[in-house]
Protein backbone atom coordinates (compact mmCIF):
# COMPACT_ATOMS: atom_id res chain seq x y z
CA MET A 1 -20.64 -4.61 95.50
CA GLN A 2 -23.90 -5.90 94.01
CA ILE A 3 -23.97 -9.60 93.16
CA ASN A 4 -25.31 -9.03 89.66
CA LYS A 5 -22.35 -6.74 88.94
CA MET A 6 -19.73 -9.18 90.15
CA SER A 7 -17.56 -10.98 87.60
CA ALA A 8 -17.50 -14.79 87.37
CA PRO A 9 -14.13 -15.09 89.20
CA GLN A 10 -15.37 -12.76 91.95
CA LEU A 11 -18.54 -14.82 92.40
CA LEU A 12 -16.54 -18.05 92.56
CA VAL A 13 -14.14 -16.68 95.16
CA GLY A 14 -17.02 -15.19 97.15
CA SER A 15 -19.02 -18.41 97.08
CA PHE A 16 -16.11 -20.39 98.52
CA LEU A 17 -15.62 -17.80 101.27
CA VAL A 18 -19.30 -17.88 102.22
CA LEU A 19 -19.33 -21.69 102.23
CA ILE A 20 -16.25 -21.84 104.49
CA LEU A 21 -17.75 -19.36 106.97
CA LEU A 22 -21.12 -21.15 106.97
CA GLY A 23 -19.42 -24.49 107.51
CA SER A 24 -17.34 -23.10 110.38
CA LEU A 25 -20.47 -21.88 112.17
CA LEU A 26 -22.17 -25.27 111.80
CA LEU A 27 -19.07 -27.12 113.05
CA TYR A 28 -18.80 -24.69 115.97
CA MET A 29 -22.21 -25.82 117.25
CA PRO A 30 -21.91 -27.88 120.48
CA TRP A 31 -23.67 -30.90 118.93
CA ALA A 32 -21.16 -31.08 116.08
CA ALA A 33 -18.30 -32.34 118.29
CA ASN A 34 -17.79 -34.76 121.16
CA THR A 35 -15.70 -32.18 123.03
CA PRO A 36 -15.84 -28.36 122.90
CA THR A 37 -14.28 -26.95 119.72
CA ARG A 38 -12.46 -23.64 119.44
CA TYR A 39 -13.76 -21.51 116.60
CA VAL A 40 -10.35 -21.40 114.90
CA ASP A 41 -10.39 -25.22 114.76
CA ALA A 42 -13.94 -25.22 113.36
CA LEU A 43 -12.85 -22.66 110.76
CA PHE A 44 -9.76 -24.73 109.91
CA THR A 45 -11.85 -27.90 109.49
CA SER A 46 -14.41 -26.12 107.35
CA ALA A 47 -11.66 -24.66 105.15
CA THR A 48 -9.86 -27.99 104.74
CA SER A 49 -13.19 -29.61 103.77
CA VAL A 50 -14.34 -26.95 101.29
CA CYS A 51 -10.84 -26.62 99.84
CA ILE A 52 -10.62 -30.45 99.72
CA THR A 53 -7.21 -30.39 101.37
CA GLY A 54 -7.22 -32.92 104.21
CA LEU A 55 -4.97 -31.14 106.72
CA VAL A 56 -6.56 -31.38 110.17
CA VAL A 57 -6.03 -29.94 113.63
CA VAL A 58 -8.49 -32.30 115.35
CA ASP A 59 -9.04 -35.97 114.58
CA THR A 60 -11.94 -36.32 112.15
CA GLY A 61 -12.94 -39.80 113.31
CA THR A 62 -13.01 -39.16 117.05
CA HIS A 63 -13.55 -35.42 117.61
CA TRP A 64 -16.66 -34.89 115.49
CA THR A 65 -20.09 -36.39 116.08
CA LEU A 66 -22.12 -37.93 113.27
CA PHE A 67 -23.69 -34.51 112.67
CA GLY A 68 -20.26 -32.92 112.40
CA GLN A 69 -19.02 -35.64 110.05
CA ILE A 70 -22.09 -35.18 107.81
CA ILE A 71 -21.41 -31.43 107.64
CA ILE A 72 -17.78 -32.13 106.74
CA LEU A 73 -18.85 -34.57 104.02
CA LEU A 74 -21.32 -32.07 102.52
CA LEU A 75 -18.63 -29.40 102.52
CA VAL A 76 -16.26 -31.80 100.75
CA GLN A 77 -18.83 -32.65 98.09
CA VAL A 78 -19.85 -29.07 97.39
CA GLY A 79 -16.28 -27.80 97.60
CA GLY A 80 -14.96 -30.55 95.35
CA LEU A 81 -17.44 -30.08 92.54
CA GLY A 82 -17.69 -26.34 93.03
CA VAL A 83 -20.43 -24.18 94.48
CA MET A 84 -21.52 -23.12 91.00
CA ALA A 85 -21.81 -26.76 89.93
CA PHE A 86 -24.38 -27.35 92.63
CA ALA A 87 -26.17 -24.12 91.82
CA GLY A 88 -26.50 -25.34 88.23
CA PHE A 89 -27.56 -28.77 89.49
CA PHE A 90 -30.47 -27.39 91.52
CA ALA A 91 -31.46 -25.07 88.68
CA MET A 92 -31.69 -28.07 86.35
CA LEU A 93 -33.64 -30.04 88.98
CA MET A 94 -36.22 -27.27 89.14
CA GLY A 95 -36.45 -27.22 85.36
CA ARG A 96 -35.27 -23.62 85.14
CA LYS A 97 -33.54 -22.42 81.98
CA ILE A 98 -29.82 -21.84 82.47
CA GLN A 99 -29.01 -18.25 81.54
CA LEU A 100 -25.81 -17.09 79.81
CA ARG A 101 -24.36 -15.66 83.04
CA GLU A 102 -24.88 -18.98 84.81
CA ARG A 103 -23.32 -20.82 81.88
CA LEU A 104 -20.26 -18.59 82.19
CA LEU A 105 -20.06 -19.42 85.91
CA MET A 106 -20.32 -23.13 85.14
CA GLN A 107 -17.58 -22.76 82.54
CA ARG A 108 -15.31 -21.02 85.04
CA SER A 109 -16.03 -23.48 87.87
CA ILE A 110 -14.81 -26.52 85.89
CA ASN A 111 -12.26 -24.56 83.86
CA VAL A 112 -13.31 -25.45 80.32
CA SER A 113 -12.52 -23.21 77.38
CA ALA A 114 -15.94 -22.90 75.73
CA VAL A 115 -19.47 -22.15 76.89
CA GLY A 116 -21.09 -24.19 74.12
CA GLY A 117 -22.56 -27.46 75.42
CA ILE A 118 -21.65 -26.60 79.01
CA VAL A 119 -25.05 -27.71 80.38
CA ARG A 120 -24.64 -31.12 78.71
CA VAL A 121 -21.15 -31.43 80.17
CA PHE A 122 -22.53 -30.53 83.59
CA ARG A 123 -25.24 -33.17 83.41
CA TYR A 124 -22.57 -35.73 82.61
CA LEU A 125 -20.30 -34.36 85.34
CA LEU A 126 -22.89 -34.69 88.09
CA GLY A 127 -24.21 -38.06 86.94
CA PHE A 128 -20.69 -39.44 86.52
CA THR A 129 -19.63 -38.14 89.93
CA PHE A 130 -22.58 -39.54 91.89
CA LEU A 131 -22.44 -42.89 90.08
CA LEU A 132 -18.72 -43.34 90.69
CA GLU A 133 -19.00 -42.28 94.33
CA ALA A 134 -21.90 -44.69 94.86
CA LEU A 135 -19.97 -47.55 93.26
CA GLY A 136 -16.93 -46.82 95.41
CA ALA A 137 -19.08 -46.60 98.54
CA VAL A 138 -20.68 -50.01 97.88
CA ILE A 139 -17.34 -51.76 97.29
CA LEU A 140 -15.75 -50.20 100.38
CA ALA A 141 -18.80 -50.95 102.55
CA ILE A 142 -18.83 -54.61 101.51
CA LYS A 143 -15.10 -54.81 102.21
CA TRP A 144 -15.43 -53.30 105.70
CA MET A 145 -18.62 -55.03 106.87
CA PRO A 146 -16.80 -57.99 108.50
CA LEU A 147 -14.64 -55.51 110.44
CA MET A 148 -17.19 -52.85 111.40
CA GLY A 149 -20.71 -54.17 111.02
CA VAL A 150 -23.29 -53.02 108.49
CA LYS A 151 -24.16 -49.48 109.68
CA LYS A 152 -20.61 -48.33 110.37
CA ALA A 153 -19.31 -49.93 107.18
CA LEU A 154 -21.97 -48.18 105.07
CA TRP A 155 -21.16 -44.79 106.60
CA HIS A 156 -17.42 -45.35 106.21
CA GLY A 157 -17.95 -46.45 102.63
CA VAL A 158 -19.94 -43.33 101.71
CA PHE A 159 -17.62 -40.94 103.56
CA HIS A 160 -14.37 -42.31 102.17
CA SER A 161 -15.65 -42.76 98.63
CA ILE A 162 -16.71 -39.10 98.46
CA SER A 163 -13.53 -38.00 100.21
CA ALA A 164 -11.38 -39.99 97.77
CA PHE A 165 -13.12 -38.92 94.56
CA ASN A 166 -12.96 -35.28 95.63
CA ASN A 167 -9.30 -35.72 96.61
CA ALA A 168 -10.07 -34.50 100.12
CA GLY A 169 -7.90 -36.95 102.07
CA LEU A 170 -10.14 -36.89 105.16
CA ASP A 171 -10.71 -40.19 106.94
CA LEU A 172 -12.62 -41.59 109.95
CA PHE A 173 -10.10 -44.16 111.19
CA GLY A 174 -8.86 -42.06 114.11
CA ASN A 175 -5.49 -41.15 115.57
CA PHE A 176 -4.41 -39.30 112.40
CA LYS A 177 -3.30 -42.59 110.82
CA SER A 178 -5.09 -42.26 107.45
CA LEU A 179 -5.00 -45.59 105.54
CA THR A 180 -1.85 -47.02 107.14
CA ASP A 181 -3.84 -50.02 108.48
CA PHE A 182 -4.77 -50.97 104.91
CA SER A 183 -1.42 -50.63 103.14
CA HIS A 184 -1.47 -54.39 102.42
CA ASP A 185 -5.09 -54.54 101.22
CA ILE A 186 -5.21 -54.74 97.41
CA THR A 187 -8.95 -53.94 97.15
CA ILE A 188 -8.72 -50.82 99.31
CA ASN A 189 -5.63 -49.61 97.44
CA ILE A 190 -7.22 -50.14 94.02
CA VAL A 191 -10.54 -48.46 94.92
CA PHE A 192 -8.91 -45.43 96.51
CA SER A 193 -6.33 -45.16 93.72
CA LEU A 194 -8.98 -45.21 91.00
CA LEU A 195 -11.25 -42.71 92.77
CA VAL A 196 -8.36 -40.32 93.44
CA MET A 197 -6.90 -40.65 89.93
CA ILE A 198 -10.22 -40.19 88.11
CA GLY A 199 -11.14 -37.23 90.30
CA GLY A 200 -7.74 -35.68 89.61
CA LEU A 201 -7.88 -36.00 85.81
CA GLY A 202 -10.48 -33.29 85.40
CA PHE A 203 -14.11 -33.59 84.39
CA PHE A 204 -13.55 -32.49 80.80
CA VAL A 205 -10.93 -35.21 80.27
CA CYS A 206 -13.26 -37.83 81.74
CA TYR A 207 -16.04 -36.54 79.49
CA GLU A 208 -13.87 -36.95 76.40
CA LEU A 209 -12.76 -40.43 77.48
CA TYR A 210 -16.40 -41.39 78.01
CA ASN A 211 -17.27 -40.26 74.46
CA TYR A 212 -14.08 -41.62 72.86
CA ARG A 213 -15.79 -44.71 71.42
CA GLN A 214 -18.03 -42.43 69.37
CA SER A 215 -15.71 -39.54 68.57
CA ARG A 216 -12.47 -41.56 68.23
CA LYS A 217 -10.48 -38.47 69.14
CA LEU A 218 -9.12 -36.58 72.12
CA SER A 219 -8.45 -32.88 72.39
CA LEU A 220 -4.92 -31.57 72.83
CA HIS A 221 -5.79 -30.74 76.44
CA SER A 222 -6.77 -34.34 77.23
CA LYS A 223 -3.67 -35.72 75.53
CA VAL A 224 -1.42 -33.41 77.57
CA VAL A 225 -3.22 -34.24 80.83
CA LEU A 226 -3.12 -38.02 80.29
CA THR A 227 0.52 -38.03 79.13
CA THR A 228 1.78 -35.78 81.94
CA THR A 229 -0.22 -37.68 84.57
CA GLY A 230 1.18 -41.00 83.35
CA ILE A 231 4.76 -39.74 83.37
CA LEU A 232 4.44 -38.29 86.87
CA LEU A 233 2.80 -41.45 88.18
CA VAL A 234 5.50 -43.76 86.85
CA LEU A 235 8.32 -41.39 87.84
CA GLY A 236 6.98 -40.95 91.37
CA THR A 237 6.50 -44.68 91.89
CA PHE A 238 9.98 -45.53 90.64
CA LEU A 239 11.78 -42.84 92.67
CA LEU A 240 9.92 -43.57 95.91
CA LEU A 241 10.57 -47.28 95.48
CA ALA A 242 14.24 -46.70 94.79
CA VAL A 243 14.83 -44.29 97.68
CA GLU A 244 12.78 -46.10 100.34
CA TYR A 245 13.32 -49.72 99.27
CA ASN A 246 15.71 -50.44 102.16
CA HIS A 247 14.38 -47.80 104.53
CA ALA A 248 10.67 -47.07 105.11
CA LEU A 249 9.66 -50.04 102.91
CA LYS A 250 12.34 -52.37 104.21
CA ALA A 251 10.05 -54.74 106.14
CA LEU A 252 7.60 -55.20 103.24
CA THR A 253 7.54 -57.79 100.48
CA PRO A 254 8.53 -56.59 96.96
CA GLY A 255 4.91 -56.54 95.80
CA HIS A 256 3.80 -54.66 98.91
CA LYS A 257 6.63 -52.15 98.42
CA LEU A 258 5.51 -51.48 94.87
CA MET A 259 1.88 -51.01 95.95
CA VAL A 260 2.80 -48.55 98.71
CA ALA A 261 5.08 -46.53 96.40
CA PHE A 262 2.42 -46.50 93.68
CA PHE A 263 -0.29 -45.32 96.09
CA GLN A 264 1.89 -42.53 97.51
CA SER A 265 2.76 -41.41 93.98
CA ILE A 266 -0.94 -41.02 93.13
CA SER A 267 -1.90 -39.51 96.46
CA SER A 268 0.96 -37.00 96.60
CA ARG A 269 -0.42 -34.89 93.77
CA SER A 270 -3.75 -34.18 95.37
CA SER A 271 -5.56 -36.51 97.75
CA GLY A 272 -3.31 -36.76 100.82
CA PHE A 273 -4.33 -40.29 101.81
CA ALA A 274 -1.30 -42.18 103.09
CA THR A 275 -0.60 -45.88 103.52
CA ILE A 276 2.75 -45.18 105.20
CA ASP A 277 3.87 -42.71 107.88
CA ILE A 278 5.10 -39.62 106.02
CA ASN A 279 7.50 -38.80 108.87
CA SER A 280 9.27 -42.13 108.31
CA LEU A 281 10.37 -41.14 104.80
CA LEU A 282 13.88 -39.96 104.02
CA LEU A 283 14.59 -36.34 103.14
CA PRO A 284 14.89 -37.02 99.36
CA SER A 285 11.45 -38.69 99.40
CA GLN A 286 9.89 -35.78 101.27
CA LEU A 287 11.46 -33.38 98.78
CA LEU A 288 10.01 -35.44 95.92
CA LEU A 289 6.56 -35.29 97.54
CA ILE A 290 6.90 -31.50 97.88
CA VAL A 291 7.53 -31.21 94.13
CA PHE A 292 4.57 -33.47 93.33
CA MET A 293 2.28 -31.61 95.74
CA PHE A 294 3.29 -28.32 94.12
CA ILE A 295 2.43 -29.70 90.66
CA GLY A 296 -0.89 -31.14 91.78
CA ALA A 297 -3.69 -32.55 89.63
CA SER A 298 -5.21 -31.34 86.35
CA PRO A 299 -7.41 -28.35 85.43
CA GLY A 300 -11.13 -28.69 86.10
CA SER A 301 -10.54 -31.52 88.57
CA THR A 302 -11.11 -31.87 92.29
CA GLY A 303 -7.36 -31.48 92.88
CA GLY A 304 -5.14 -28.47 93.47
CA GLY A 305 -1.58 -27.44 92.65
CA ILE A 306 -0.34 -25.48 89.65
CA LYS A 307 -1.72 -28.32 87.48
CA THR A 308 -0.18 -30.83 85.09
CA THR A 309 -0.87 -28.70 82.02
CA THR A 310 1.09 -25.79 83.49
CA VAL A 311 4.14 -28.02 83.96
CA ALA A 312 3.75 -29.47 80.46
CA LEU A 313 3.54 -26.01 78.87
CA MET A 314 6.58 -24.75 80.76
CA PHE A 315 8.55 -27.85 79.77
CA ALA A 316 7.52 -27.31 76.13
CA VAL A 317 8.77 -23.71 76.32
CA VAL A 318 12.16 -24.85 77.63
CA VAL A 319 12.45 -27.51 74.91
CA ALA A 320 11.56 -24.97 72.21
CA GLN A 321 14.17 -22.53 73.52
CA LEU A 322 16.89 -25.18 73.71
CA ARG A 323 16.14 -26.28 70.15
CA GLY A 324 16.10 -22.70 68.91
CA LYS A 325 12.47 -22.86 67.77
CA LYS A 326 10.23 -19.82 67.64
CA ASP A 327 7.04 -21.86 68.00
CA ILE A 328 6.08 -23.87 71.06
CA GLU A 329 4.78 -27.25 69.94
CA ILE A 330 3.03 -30.11 71.72
CA PHE A 331 1.74 -33.18 69.85
CA GLU A 332 2.33 -31.41 66.54
CA ARG A 333 0.20 -28.46 67.57
CA ARG A 334 1.45 -24.89 67.96
CA ILE A 335 0.70 -23.29 71.32
CA VAL A 336 -0.24 -19.61 71.23
CA SER A 337 1.42 -17.14 73.61
CA SER A 338 -1.93 -16.34 75.26
CA ASP A 339 -1.85 -19.86 76.75
CA VAL A 340 1.83 -19.73 77.71
CA TYR A 341 1.77 -16.45 79.67
CA PRO A 342 -0.87 -17.64 82.19
CA SER A 343 1.20 -20.76 82.88
CA PHE A 344 4.29 -18.78 83.85
CA THR A 345 2.13 -16.28 85.75
CA LEU A 346 0.51 -19.07 87.73
CA PHE A 347 3.85 -20.74 88.43
CA PHE A 348 5.54 -17.60 89.75
CA MET A 349 2.48 -16.52 91.75
CA ALA A 350 2.45 -19.97 93.40
CA ILE A 351 6.19 -19.76 94.14
CA PHE A 352 5.75 -16.27 95.55
CA MET A 353 2.86 -17.34 97.80
CA LEU A 354 4.82 -20.39 98.97
CA ILE A 355 7.82 -18.27 99.96
CA ILE A 356 5.67 -15.67 101.74
CA MET A 357 3.69 -18.26 103.71
CA VAL A 358 6.77 -20.25 104.69
CA PHE A 359 8.38 -17.00 105.83
CA LEU A 360 5.37 -15.94 107.93
CA ILE A 361 4.89 -19.33 109.57
CA SER A 362 8.63 -19.55 110.27
CA LEU A 363 8.34 -16.25 112.17
CA THR A 364 5.48 -17.44 114.35
CA HIS A 365 6.54 -21.08 114.65
CA PRO A 366 10.35 -21.45 114.66
CA GLY A 367 11.29 -25.04 114.04
CA ASP A 368 12.17 -27.59 111.41
CA PHE A 369 12.24 -25.75 108.07
CA MET A 370 11.48 -28.94 106.13
CA LYS A 371 8.31 -29.55 108.16
CA ILE A 372 7.12 -26.00 107.49
CA LEU A 373 7.91 -26.19 103.77
CA PHE A 374 6.24 -29.59 103.49
CA ASP A 375 2.97 -28.64 105.20
CA VAL A 376 2.69 -25.23 103.53
CA THR A 377 3.18 -26.84 100.11
CA SER A 378 0.58 -29.43 101.06
CA ALA A 379 -1.87 -26.65 101.97
CA LEU A 380 -1.26 -24.63 98.79
CA GLY A 381 -1.50 -27.79 96.69
CA THR A 382 -4.67 -28.83 98.61
CA VAL A 383 -3.08 -32.25 99.18
CA GLY A 384 -3.29 -33.05 102.89
CA PHE A 385 0.01 -34.83 103.53
CA SER A 386 1.37 -33.60 106.85
CA THR A 387 4.40 -33.96 109.07
CA GLY A 388 2.26 -32.95 112.07
CA LEU A 389 3.02 -29.22 111.88
CA CYS A 390 -0.64 -28.14 111.90
CA LEU A 391 -1.17 -29.79 115.30
CA GLU A 392 1.62 -27.60 116.75
CA LEU A 393 0.54 -24.22 115.33
CA ASN A 394 -1.01 -21.40 117.32
CA ALA A 395 -4.19 -19.65 116.17
CA PHE A 396 -2.32 -17.25 113.88
CA GLY A 397 -0.41 -20.10 112.25
CA LYS A 398 -3.66 -22.00 111.66
CA ILE A 399 -5.19 -18.92 110.01
CA LEU A 400 -2.17 -18.73 107.70
CA ILE A 401 -2.67 -22.37 106.71
CA VAL A 402 -6.38 -21.63 106.09
CA ILE A 403 -5.32 -18.81 103.74
CA CYS A 404 -2.94 -21.21 102.00
CA MET A 405 -5.70 -23.77 101.48
CA PHE A 406 -8.11 -21.12 100.19
CA LEU A 407 -5.56 -19.71 97.76
CA GLY A 408 -4.70 -23.21 96.60
CA ARG A 409 -8.34 -24.09 95.97
CA VAL A 410 -9.58 -21.00 94.14
CA GLY A 411 -6.31 -20.70 92.26
CA PRO A 412 -3.91 -17.76 92.20
CA LEU A 413 -5.06 -16.67 88.74
CA THR A 414 -8.78 -16.78 89.60
CA LEU A 415 -8.13 -14.81 92.77
CA GLY A 416 -5.96 -12.35 90.88
CA PHE A 417 -8.64 -11.83 88.23
CA ALA A 418 -11.31 -11.49 90.91
CA LEU A 419 -9.41 -8.73 92.71
CA ALA A 420 -8.15 -6.96 89.62
CA TYR A 421 -9.72 -3.73 88.52
CA LYS A 422 -11.02 -4.44 85.03
CA LYS A 423 -10.09 -1.34 83.12
CA LYS A 424 -9.54 -1.44 79.37
CA GLN A 425 -5.89 -0.83 78.65
CA PRO A 426 -4.89 1.68 75.93
CA GLU A 427 -3.38 0.28 72.76
CA ILE A 428 0.13 1.69 73.20
CA HIS A 429 3.17 -0.04 71.76
CA TYR A 430 6.55 1.17 72.98
CA ALA A 431 9.83 0.90 71.14
CA GLN A 432 11.60 -2.44 71.52
CA GLY A 433 14.36 -2.90 74.10
CA LYS A 434 16.95 -5.58 74.73
CA ILE A 435 17.85 -7.36 77.98
CA MET A 436 20.80 -9.74 78.34
CA ILE A 437 19.84 -13.22 79.58
CA GLY A 438 22.15 -15.61 81.42
């Protein structure tokens, strides 16, 4: 298939595939790791970086050399913002006019509804991203200098700021312990929480918030994202605190307990950073995290999952049905069916993929069902929380997780549109039929 004949979804899917393969080859080079790396592990690491997931099969801080860590960081940055975002960025740097086809690709890559003003939005997106990452890197570096020295602190600051903003969940602290050493540190918790939360809101929402002082208004999309995100954040914090108060959080002070629960609530919907051992949580808490990982972040963000807007739309449909309303309404606005159908399609495609992948991994890796369900959901939601399953998988199991991460990043709908044969359907309307429900 010729590139100039490929649709926008096909180009997006293809660009992610090429980037993953290129990254795997670079990470497979002998100078990328301190010890020899199997290609399947290099492929897994490249996929988890590009898909900004955070699941790992080798320790990021100890296995990879500085060269390997730089490659991982570049993959995270490009994968988080989108390959097409960087293509547009370099086109603007060279002063080249952005053509309509490229504008459509930009629109698709950050999932906004209109092409108009997309270049302006992209300029803001890139400037906002690099500024926020730089600010986060400086604060983290200053915080870590007494512990690590200047050079190491600077590198750790840059790496973790980019990893946090892009919701990647990758860290350099070694021994697969994530941020557990800093669960008590208010500065570290605040910086990571803000970077993760802002990255997970979606660039269009951040753009509207930035211009709110002038426009004094928010779109329906931004209102739904902010409201749903707030509800999920508060609900997750409260439930984790209630369930784990006298268990995993038992030894902590009340304030420390609240901070740990709050951080896990934010991190569970996309980033995968953890300030507590996930395996120490009770079954109800792990089930809650599975639900949050499945929901994920918001459209056009660096996060995965079925997205907050999908959940909000489905909830609005249920409320409308229970109230006997024909129209689906959110914030006194009627939602058209063309927006509702994709939400249910995305939800059921995600459920279907989750069931299939859990089934396949259960065949090749018999064991604790909860561990399999947890890690597969984490991969599909591009979160990165893990019970340690990925470290136990054989090559085939790792490939299945790579597929999960890829599907979770590009999105079931985008992949479906990319593979679909675009043939104009005839305008045929059949006679109505009735099906009993319930």
